[in-house]
């Protein structure tokens, strides 16, 4: 029997862009409401902009946070694979560091996956892509964009 670290492992690859992406992403995860047991694994690909120091500081702040500081840049796939191999979970989420999540995002994702076992991979909708995942937002401020996304999700 395999012992799970948590129901969900959220793997985030970081490489520089601390203030623009990594820090807001982490803050949104821990601010968002959820009823799901999760663990966050952040794999840093040898950032040089203060990201590593920030990650070491927040590591003690959250009991379900694991930090991996690579000694070389292993690229996108390599970094994510390192994160996946470091934790045992029922569900793995590869979350880009430029993502801002909202309340119960994780619950909705896990509920869909649990109710649809034939589905092996789930992708998000976003306001920053050039394919069928695109939802059009009209706002410029982050809070307003998130509110538009929430309104869109409530329609579907």
N, C-alpha and C. Protein backbone atom coordinates (compact mmCIF):
# COMPACT_ATOMS: atom_id res chain seq x y z
N UNK A 1 0.84 -1.20 0.00
CA UNK A 1 0.00 0.00 0.00
C UNK A 1 0.88 1.25 0.00
N UNK A 2 0.56 2.17 -0.89
CA UNK A 2 1.30 3.42 -1.00
C UNK A 2 0.66 4.45 -0.07
N UNK A 3 1.47 5.10 0.73
CA UNK A 3 0.98 6.15 1.62
C UNK A 3 1.06 7.47 0.88
N UNK A 4 -0.09 8.15 0.81
CA UNK A 4 -0.17 9.43 0.12
C UNK A 4 0.27 10.57 1.04
N UNK A 5 0.99 11.52 0.47
CA UNK A 5 1.34 12.73 1.22
C UNK A 5 0.12 13.63 1.35
N UNK A 6 -0.74 13.62 0.32
CA UNK A 6 -1.97 14.41 0.32
C UNK A 6 -2.82 13.95 -0.86
N UNK A 7 -4.06 14.40 -0.87
CA UNK A 7 -4.94 14.05 -1.99
C UNK A 7 -4.43 14.66 -3.29
N UNK A 8 -4.00 15.93 -3.21
CA UNK A 8 -3.56 16.66 -4.40
C UNK A 8 -2.16 17.22 -4.18
N UNK A 9 -1.33 17.08 -5.19
CA UNK A 9 -0.01 17.72 -5.20
C UNK A 9 -0.04 18.78 -6.29
N UNK A 10 0.22 20.01 -5.90
CA UNK A 10 0.29 21.13 -6.83
C UNK A 10 1.77 21.39 -7.09
N UNK A 11 2.21 21.14 -8.31
CA UNK A 11 3.61 21.31 -8.68
C UNK A 11 3.75 22.64 -9.42
N UNK A 12 4.65 23.49 -8.93
CA UNK A 12 4.89 24.78 -9.56
C UNK A 12 6.38 24.88 -9.86
N UNK A 13 6.69 25.17 -11.10
CA UNK A 13 8.06 25.39 -11.51
C UNK A 13 8.34 26.88 -11.49
N UNK A 14 9.42 27.28 -10.83
CA UNK A 14 9.74 28.71 -10.80
C UNK A 14 11.11 28.95 -11.42
N UNK A 15 11.20 30.08 -12.07
CA UNK A 15 12.48 30.54 -12.61
C UNK A 15 12.39 32.06 -12.76
N UNK A 16 13.01 32.74 -11.82
CA UNK A 16 12.99 34.21 -11.77
C UNK A 16 11.55 34.73 -11.74
N UNK A 17 11.32 35.95 -12.06
CA UNK A 17 9.97 36.57 -12.07
C UNK A 17 9.26 36.46 -10.72
N UNK A 18 9.99 36.58 -9.63
CA UNK A 18 9.41 36.44 -8.29
C UNK A 18 8.21 37.34 -8.10
N UNK A 19 8.39 38.64 -8.27
CA UNK A 19 7.31 39.59 -7.99
C UNK A 19 6.17 39.51 -9.00
N UNK A 20 6.50 39.20 -10.25
CA UNK A 20 5.48 39.17 -11.30
C UNK A 20 4.65 37.89 -11.30
N UNK A 21 5.25 36.78 -10.92
CA UNK A 21 4.52 35.51 -11.06
C UNK A 21 4.54 34.64 -9.80
N UNK A 22 5.69 34.20 -9.39
CA UNK A 22 5.79 33.18 -8.34
C UNK A 22 5.15 33.60 -7.03
N UNK A 23 5.49 34.76 -6.53
CA UNK A 23 4.93 35.22 -5.25
C UNK A 23 3.41 35.40 -5.32
N UNK A 24 2.86 36.10 -6.34
CA UNK A 24 1.40 36.21 -6.41
C UNK A 24 0.70 34.85 -6.55
N UNK A 25 1.33 33.92 -7.27
CA UNK A 25 0.75 32.59 -7.43
C UNK A 25 0.65 31.88 -6.07
N UNK A 26 1.75 31.86 -5.35
CA UNK A 26 1.77 31.20 -4.03
C UNK A 26 0.76 31.86 -3.09
N UNK A 27 0.75 33.18 -3.06
CA UNK A 27 -0.18 33.89 -2.18
C UNK A 27 -1.63 33.57 -2.54
N UNK A 28 -1.94 33.45 -3.83
CA UNK A 28 -3.32 33.16 -4.22
C UNK A 28 -3.72 31.75 -3.80
N UNK A 29 -2.80 30.80 -3.87
CA UNK A 29 -3.11 29.42 -3.46
C UNK A 29 -3.46 29.36 -1.99
N UNK A 30 -2.67 30.02 -1.16
CA UNK A 30 -2.90 29.96 0.28
C UNK A 30 -4.01 30.89 0.76
N UNK A 31 -4.41 31.82 -0.09
CA UNK A 31 -5.53 32.70 0.24
C UNK A 31 -6.87 32.08 -0.17
N UNK A 32 -6.85 31.28 -1.21
CA UNK A 32 -8.08 30.70 -1.77
C UNK A 32 -8.70 29.70 -0.79
N UNK A 33 -10.02 29.74 -0.70
CA UNK A 33 -10.76 28.80 0.14
C UNK A 33 -10.79 27.44 -0.55
N UNK A 34 -10.66 26.38 0.25
CA UNK A 34 -10.74 25.02 -0.28
C UNK A 34 -11.04 24.05 0.86
N UNK A 35 -11.67 22.94 0.49
CA UNK A 35 -11.89 21.85 1.44
C UNK A 35 -11.04 20.64 1.08
N UNK A 36 -10.11 20.81 0.16
CA UNK A 36 -9.29 19.71 -0.33
C UNK A 36 -7.92 19.71 0.37
N UNK A 37 -7.48 18.52 0.76
CA UNK A 37 -6.14 18.34 1.32
C UNK A 37 -5.14 18.43 0.17
N UNK A 38 -4.20 19.37 0.26
CA UNK A 38 -3.23 19.53 -0.82
C UNK A 38 -1.84 19.82 -0.28
N UNK A 39 -0.87 19.57 -1.14
CA UNK A 39 0.52 19.91 -0.86
C UNK A 39 1.04 20.68 -2.06
N UNK A 40 1.79 21.73 -1.81
CA UNK A 40 2.41 22.51 -2.87
C UNK A 40 3.89 22.15 -2.92
N UNK A 41 4.36 21.82 -4.10
CA UNK A 41 5.78 21.56 -4.33
C UNK A 41 6.27 22.59 -5.33
N UNK A 42 7.20 23.42 -4.89
CA UNK A 42 7.76 24.43 -5.79
C UNK A 42 9.19 23.99 -6.13
N UNK A 43 9.42 23.85 -7.42
CA UNK A 43 10.74 23.47 -7.91
C UNK A 43 11.34 24.71 -8.55
N UNK A 44 12.44 25.18 -7.98
CA UNK A 44 13.09 26.36 -8.54
C UNK A 44 14.24 25.94 -9.43
N UNK A 45 14.24 26.46 -10.64
CA UNK A 45 15.22 26.10 -11.66
C UNK A 45 16.41 27.06 -11.67
N UNK A 46 16.98 27.30 -10.50
CA UNK A 46 18.18 28.11 -10.34
C UNK A 46 17.95 29.59 -10.61
N UNK A 47 16.88 30.13 -10.01
CA UNK A 47 16.59 31.56 -10.12
C UNK A 47 17.72 32.39 -9.52
N UNK A 48 17.86 33.60 -10.04
CA UNK A 48 18.91 34.50 -9.57
C UNK A 48 18.36 35.86 -9.14
N UNK A 49 17.03 35.97 -9.02
CA UNK A 49 16.40 37.27 -8.76
C UNK A 49 15.85 37.40 -7.34
N UNK A 50 16.25 36.53 -6.42
CA UNK A 50 15.72 36.56 -5.06
C UNK A 50 14.62 35.54 -4.83
N UNK A 51 14.22 34.82 -5.86
CA UNK A 51 13.16 33.81 -5.71
C UNK A 51 13.56 32.74 -4.71
N UNK A 52 14.78 32.25 -4.79
CA UNK A 52 15.23 31.17 -3.91
C UNK A 52 15.20 31.61 -2.43
N UNK A 53 15.63 32.82 -2.19
CA UNK A 53 15.64 33.34 -0.82
C UNK A 53 14.20 33.49 -0.30
N UNK A 54 13.32 33.99 -1.16
CA UNK A 54 11.90 34.12 -0.79
C UNK A 54 11.31 32.75 -0.47
N UNK A 55 11.57 31.77 -1.31
CA UNK A 55 11.03 30.42 -1.09
C UNK A 55 11.53 29.83 0.23
N UNK A 56 12.78 30.05 0.55
CA UNK A 56 13.31 29.56 1.82
C UNK A 56 12.63 30.25 3.00
N UNK A 57 12.28 31.52 2.85
CA UNK A 57 11.59 32.25 3.92
C UNK A 57 10.17 31.74 4.13
N UNK A 58 9.43 31.50 3.05
CA UNK A 58 8.03 31.06 3.19
C UNK A 58 7.90 29.58 3.45
N UNK A 59 8.98 28.83 3.32
CA UNK A 59 8.92 27.38 3.51
C UNK A 59 8.40 27.01 4.90
N UNK A 60 8.78 27.75 5.91
CA UNK A 60 8.32 27.47 7.28
C UNK A 60 6.93 28.02 7.56
N UNK A 61 6.42 28.84 6.67
CA UNK A 61 5.13 29.48 6.87
C UNK A 61 3.96 28.52 6.65
N UNK A 62 4.14 27.53 5.79
CA UNK A 62 3.07 26.60 5.43
C UNK A 62 3.54 25.16 5.61
N UNK A 63 2.80 24.39 6.39
CA UNK A 63 3.20 23.01 6.67
C UNK A 63 3.08 22.11 5.45
N UNK A 64 2.28 22.51 4.48
CA UNK A 64 2.07 21.69 3.29
C UNK A 64 2.83 22.25 2.07
N UNK A 65 3.94 22.91 2.33
CA UNK A 65 4.76 23.47 1.27
C UNK A 65 6.12 22.77 1.27
N UNK A 66 6.53 22.34 0.09
CA UNK A 66 7.84 21.71 -0.07
C UNK A 66 8.59 22.48 -1.14
N UNK A 67 9.82 22.83 -0.84
CA UNK A 67 10.65 23.59 -1.77
C UNK A 67 11.80 22.71 -2.25
N UNK A 68 12.01 22.70 -3.55
CA UNK A 68 13.15 22.00 -4.14
C UNK A 68 13.96 23.04 -4.90
N UNK A 69 15.21 23.21 -4.50
CA UNK A 69 16.09 24.18 -5.15
C UNK A 69 17.08 23.42 -6.04
N UNK A 70 16.81 23.42 -7.33
CA UNK A 70 17.70 22.72 -8.27
C UNK A 70 19.05 23.39 -8.32
N UNK A 71 20.11 22.59 -8.52
CA UNK A 71 21.44 23.15 -8.66
C UNK A 71 21.79 23.44 -10.12
N UNK A 72 20.82 23.16 -11.02
CA UNK A 72 20.94 23.55 -12.42
C UNK A 72 19.53 23.72 -12.98
N UNK A 73 19.42 24.44 -14.08
CA UNK A 73 18.12 24.62 -14.74
C UNK A 73 17.82 23.36 -15.54
N UNK A 74 16.80 22.64 -15.13
CA UNK A 74 16.46 21.36 -15.77
C UNK A 74 15.38 21.53 -16.84
N UNK A 75 14.97 22.75 -17.12
CA UNK A 75 13.94 23.00 -18.12
C UNK A 75 12.55 22.74 -17.56
N UNK A 76 11.54 23.00 -18.39
CA UNK A 76 10.15 22.89 -17.95
C UNK A 76 9.77 21.45 -17.60
N UNK A 77 9.98 20.54 -18.52
CA UNK A 77 9.60 19.14 -18.28
C UNK A 77 10.42 18.54 -17.15
N UNK A 78 11.72 18.78 -17.17
CA UNK A 78 12.59 18.23 -16.13
C UNK A 78 12.22 18.72 -14.75
N UNK A 79 11.96 20.00 -14.62
CA UNK A 79 11.57 20.56 -13.32
C UNK A 79 10.26 20.00 -12.82
N UNK A 80 9.28 19.88 -13.71
CA UNK A 80 8.00 19.31 -13.30
C UNK A 80 8.15 17.84 -12.91
N UNK A 81 8.95 17.10 -13.65
CA UNK A 81 9.17 15.69 -13.30
C UNK A 81 9.82 15.54 -11.93
N UNK A 82 10.76 16.41 -11.60
CA UNK A 82 11.38 16.39 -10.28
C UNK A 82 10.32 16.61 -9.21
N UNK A 83 9.45 17.57 -9.42
CA UNK A 83 8.38 17.85 -8.46
C UNK A 83 7.43 16.68 -8.30
N UNK A 84 7.02 16.08 -9.40
CA UNK A 84 6.09 14.94 -9.36
C UNK A 84 6.71 13.78 -8.59
N UNK A 85 7.97 13.49 -8.86
CA UNK A 85 8.64 12.36 -8.22
C UNK A 85 8.85 12.56 -6.71
N UNK A 86 8.75 13.80 -6.25
CA UNK A 86 9.05 14.11 -4.85
C UNK A 86 7.87 13.91 -3.91
N UNK A 87 6.68 13.63 -4.44
CA UNK A 87 5.48 13.58 -3.61
C UNK A 87 4.54 12.50 -4.13
N UNK A 88 3.81 11.87 -3.22
CA UNK A 88 2.81 10.88 -3.60
C UNK A 88 1.43 11.47 -3.37
N UNK A 89 0.62 11.47 -4.42
CA UNK A 89 -0.72 12.05 -4.33
C UNK A 89 -1.65 11.30 -5.28
N UNK A 90 -2.95 11.44 -5.05
CA UNK A 90 -3.93 10.87 -5.98
C UNK A 90 -3.99 11.67 -7.27
N UNK A 91 -3.85 12.99 -7.14
CA UNK A 91 -3.97 13.89 -8.28
C UNK A 91 -2.79 14.85 -8.29
N UNK A 92 -2.23 15.06 -9.48
CA UNK A 92 -1.13 16.00 -9.64
C UNK A 92 -1.61 17.16 -10.51
N UNK A 93 -1.32 18.36 -10.07
CA UNK A 93 -1.66 19.56 -10.83
C UNK A 93 -0.36 20.27 -11.16
N UNK A 94 -0.10 20.45 -12.45
CA UNK A 94 1.04 21.23 -12.89
C UNK A 94 0.53 22.64 -13.11
N UNK A 95 0.90 23.52 -12.19
CA UNK A 95 0.37 24.89 -12.21
C UNK A 95 1.46 25.86 -12.62
N UNK A 96 1.23 26.60 -13.69
CA UNK A 96 2.21 27.60 -14.10
C UNK A 96 2.31 28.68 -13.04
N UNK A 97 3.52 29.19 -12.86
CA UNK A 97 3.76 30.17 -11.79
C UNK A 97 3.10 31.52 -12.04
N UNK A 98 2.57 31.75 -13.24
CA UNK A 98 1.89 33.01 -13.51
C UNK A 98 0.38 32.90 -13.31
N UNK A 99 -0.05 31.86 -12.60
CA UNK A 99 -1.47 31.62 -12.37
C UNK A 99 -1.92 32.25 -11.06
N UNK A 100 -3.08 32.86 -11.08
CA UNK A 100 -3.74 33.34 -9.88
C UNK A 100 -5.01 32.51 -9.74
N UNK A 101 -5.17 31.81 -8.62
CA UNK A 101 -6.34 30.96 -8.43
C UNK A 101 -7.38 31.66 -7.57
N UNK A 102 -8.61 31.16 -7.63
CA UNK A 102 -9.73 31.74 -6.90
C UNK A 102 -10.29 30.72 -5.92
N UNK A 103 -11.20 31.17 -5.06
CA UNK A 103 -11.82 30.29 -4.07
C UNK A 103 -12.40 29.05 -4.73
N UNK A 104 -12.15 27.93 -4.12
CA UNK A 104 -12.68 26.61 -4.50
C UNK A 104 -12.29 26.14 -5.89
N UNK A 105 -11.27 26.74 -6.47
CA UNK A 105 -10.77 26.27 -7.77
C UNK A 105 -10.36 24.81 -7.68
N UNK A 106 -9.68 24.47 -6.60
CA UNK A 106 -9.18 23.11 -6.44
C UNK A 106 -10.31 22.12 -6.23
N UNK A 107 -11.31 22.50 -5.46
CA UNK A 107 -12.46 21.64 -5.19
C UNK A 107 -13.18 21.30 -6.50
N UNK A 108 -13.37 22.31 -7.35
CA UNK A 108 -14.09 22.11 -8.61
C UNK A 108 -13.29 21.20 -9.54
N UNK A 109 -12.00 21.40 -9.60
CA UNK A 109 -11.15 20.59 -10.45
C UNK A 109 -11.15 19.13 -9.99
N UNK A 110 -10.98 18.92 -8.69
CA UNK A 110 -10.95 17.56 -8.14
C UNK A 110 -12.32 16.89 -8.28
N UNK A 111 -13.39 17.63 -8.06
CA UNK A 111 -14.73 17.06 -8.22
C UNK A 111 -14.95 16.58 -9.65
N UNK A 112 -14.55 17.39 -10.61
CA UNK A 112 -14.69 16.98 -12.00
C UNK A 112 -13.88 15.72 -12.28
N UNK A 113 -12.63 15.70 -11.82
CA UNK A 113 -11.77 14.52 -12.05
C UNK A 113 -12.35 13.29 -11.37
N UNK A 114 -12.83 13.42 -10.15
CA UNK A 114 -13.41 12.28 -9.42
C UNK A 114 -14.68 11.76 -10.09
N UNK A 115 -15.47 12.66 -10.64
CA UNK A 115 -16.73 12.27 -11.28
C UNK A 115 -16.56 11.80 -12.72
N UNK A 116 -15.37 11.94 -13.26
CA UNK A 116 -15.11 11.56 -14.64
C UNK A 116 -13.81 10.76 -14.72
N UNK A 117 -13.79 9.54 -14.19
CA UNK A 117 -12.55 8.76 -14.12
C UNK A 117 -11.96 8.43 -15.49
N UNK A 118 -12.75 8.55 -16.54
CA UNK A 118 -12.23 8.29 -17.89
C UNK A 118 -11.34 9.43 -18.39
N UNK A 119 -11.38 10.57 -17.69
CA UNK A 119 -10.58 11.73 -18.07
C UNK A 119 -9.23 11.65 -17.36
N UNK A 120 -8.17 11.72 -18.14
CA UNK A 120 -6.84 11.63 -17.56
C UNK A 120 -6.11 12.95 -17.45
N UNK A 121 -6.60 13.97 -18.14
CA UNK A 121 -5.93 15.26 -18.15
C UNK A 121 -6.97 16.36 -18.27
N UNK A 122 -6.82 17.39 -17.45
CA UNK A 122 -7.76 18.51 -17.45
C UNK A 122 -6.95 19.79 -17.65
N UNK A 123 -7.42 20.65 -18.53
CA UNK A 123 -6.77 21.93 -18.75
C UNK A 123 -7.71 23.06 -18.38
N UNK A 124 -7.15 24.19 -18.01
CA UNK A 124 -7.98 25.31 -17.57
C UNK A 124 -8.46 26.17 -18.73
N UNK A 125 -9.38 27.07 -18.41
CA UNK A 125 -9.65 28.18 -19.31
C UNK A 125 -8.79 29.33 -18.81
N UNK A 126 -8.50 30.26 -19.69
CA UNK A 126 -7.60 31.34 -19.33
C UNK A 126 -7.89 32.56 -20.20
N UNK A 127 -7.41 33.69 -19.76
CA UNK A 127 -7.53 34.90 -20.56
C UNK A 127 -6.23 35.18 -21.30
N UNK A 128 -5.33 34.19 -21.34
CA UNK A 128 -4.02 34.42 -21.95
C UNK A 128 -3.57 33.21 -22.76
N UNK A 129 -4.31 32.90 -23.82
CA UNK A 129 -3.96 31.77 -24.68
C UNK A 129 -4.60 32.00 -26.06
N UNK A 130 -4.13 31.31 -27.05
CA UNK A 130 -4.65 31.50 -28.39
C UNK A 130 -5.39 30.30 -28.93
N UNK A 131 -6.09 29.56 -28.07
CA UNK A 131 -6.87 28.42 -28.57
C UNK A 131 -8.21 28.35 -27.85
N UNK A 132 -8.85 27.18 -27.90
CA UNK A 132 -10.21 27.04 -27.34
C UNK A 132 -10.28 27.19 -25.82
N UNK A 133 -9.16 27.31 -25.15
CA UNK A 133 -9.16 27.54 -23.71
C UNK A 133 -9.41 29.01 -23.37
N UNK A 134 -9.41 29.87 -24.36
CA UNK A 134 -9.51 31.32 -24.15
C UNK A 134 -10.90 31.74 -23.69
N UNK A 135 -10.92 32.53 -22.63
CA UNK A 135 -12.11 33.27 -22.27
C UNK A 135 -11.73 34.75 -22.37
N UNK A 136 -12.58 35.52 -22.99
CA UNK A 136 -12.29 36.94 -23.20
C UNK A 136 -12.62 37.72 -21.93
N UNK A 137 -11.65 38.47 -21.46
CA UNK A 137 -11.88 39.38 -20.35
C UNK A 137 -11.64 40.80 -20.85
N UNK A 138 -12.34 41.73 -20.27
CA UNK A 138 -12.28 43.11 -20.74
C UNK A 138 -11.59 44.04 -19.75
N UNK A 139 -11.39 43.59 -18.55
CA UNK A 139 -10.80 44.42 -17.50
C UNK A 139 -9.29 44.48 -17.64
N UNK A 140 -8.71 45.44 -16.96
CA UNK A 140 -7.26 45.60 -16.94
C UNK A 140 -6.67 45.26 -15.57
N UNK A 141 -7.45 45.45 -14.51
CA UNK A 141 -6.96 45.20 -13.16
C UNK A 141 -7.15 43.73 -12.80
N UNK A 142 -6.18 43.19 -12.07
CA UNK A 142 -6.20 41.78 -11.71
C UNK A 142 -7.50 41.37 -11.01
N UNK A 143 -7.94 42.13 -10.03
CA UNK A 143 -9.16 41.80 -9.29
C UNK A 143 -10.38 41.74 -10.22
N UNK A 144 -10.46 42.68 -11.15
CA UNK A 144 -11.59 42.70 -12.08
C UNK A 144 -11.54 41.52 -13.05
N UNK A 145 -10.34 41.17 -13.50
CA UNK A 145 -10.19 40.02 -14.39
C UNK A 145 -10.63 38.74 -13.67
N UNK A 146 -10.23 38.59 -12.43
CA UNK A 146 -10.63 37.41 -11.64
C UNK A 146 -12.14 37.38 -11.49
N UNK A 147 -12.76 38.52 -11.20
CA UNK A 147 -14.22 38.57 -11.07
C UNK A 147 -14.91 38.19 -12.37
N UNK A 148 -14.37 38.62 -13.50
CA UNK A 148 -14.94 38.22 -14.79
C UNK A 148 -14.85 36.70 -14.98
N UNK A 149 -13.71 36.13 -14.61
CA UNK A 149 -13.53 34.69 -14.71
C UNK A 149 -14.50 33.93 -13.83
N UNK A 150 -14.73 34.42 -12.62
CA UNK A 150 -15.68 33.79 -11.71
C UNK A 150 -17.09 33.85 -12.30
N UNK A 151 -17.46 35.00 -12.85
CA UNK A 151 -18.77 35.14 -13.48
C UNK A 151 -18.91 34.15 -14.65
N UNK A 152 -17.85 34.03 -15.46
CA UNK A 152 -17.87 33.09 -16.57
C UNK A 152 -18.06 31.67 -16.07
N UNK A 153 -17.35 31.29 -15.01
CA UNK A 153 -17.44 29.93 -14.47
C UNK A 153 -18.85 29.65 -13.92
N UNK A 154 -19.50 30.65 -13.36
CA UNK A 154 -20.85 30.46 -12.81
C UNK A 154 -21.89 30.28 -13.91
N UNK A 155 -21.61 30.76 -15.10
CA UNK A 155 -22.52 30.59 -16.23
C UNK A 155 -22.48 29.15 -16.75
N UNK A 156 -21.29 28.59 -16.73
CA UNK A 156 -21.08 27.24 -17.32
C UNK A 156 -21.57 26.12 -16.43
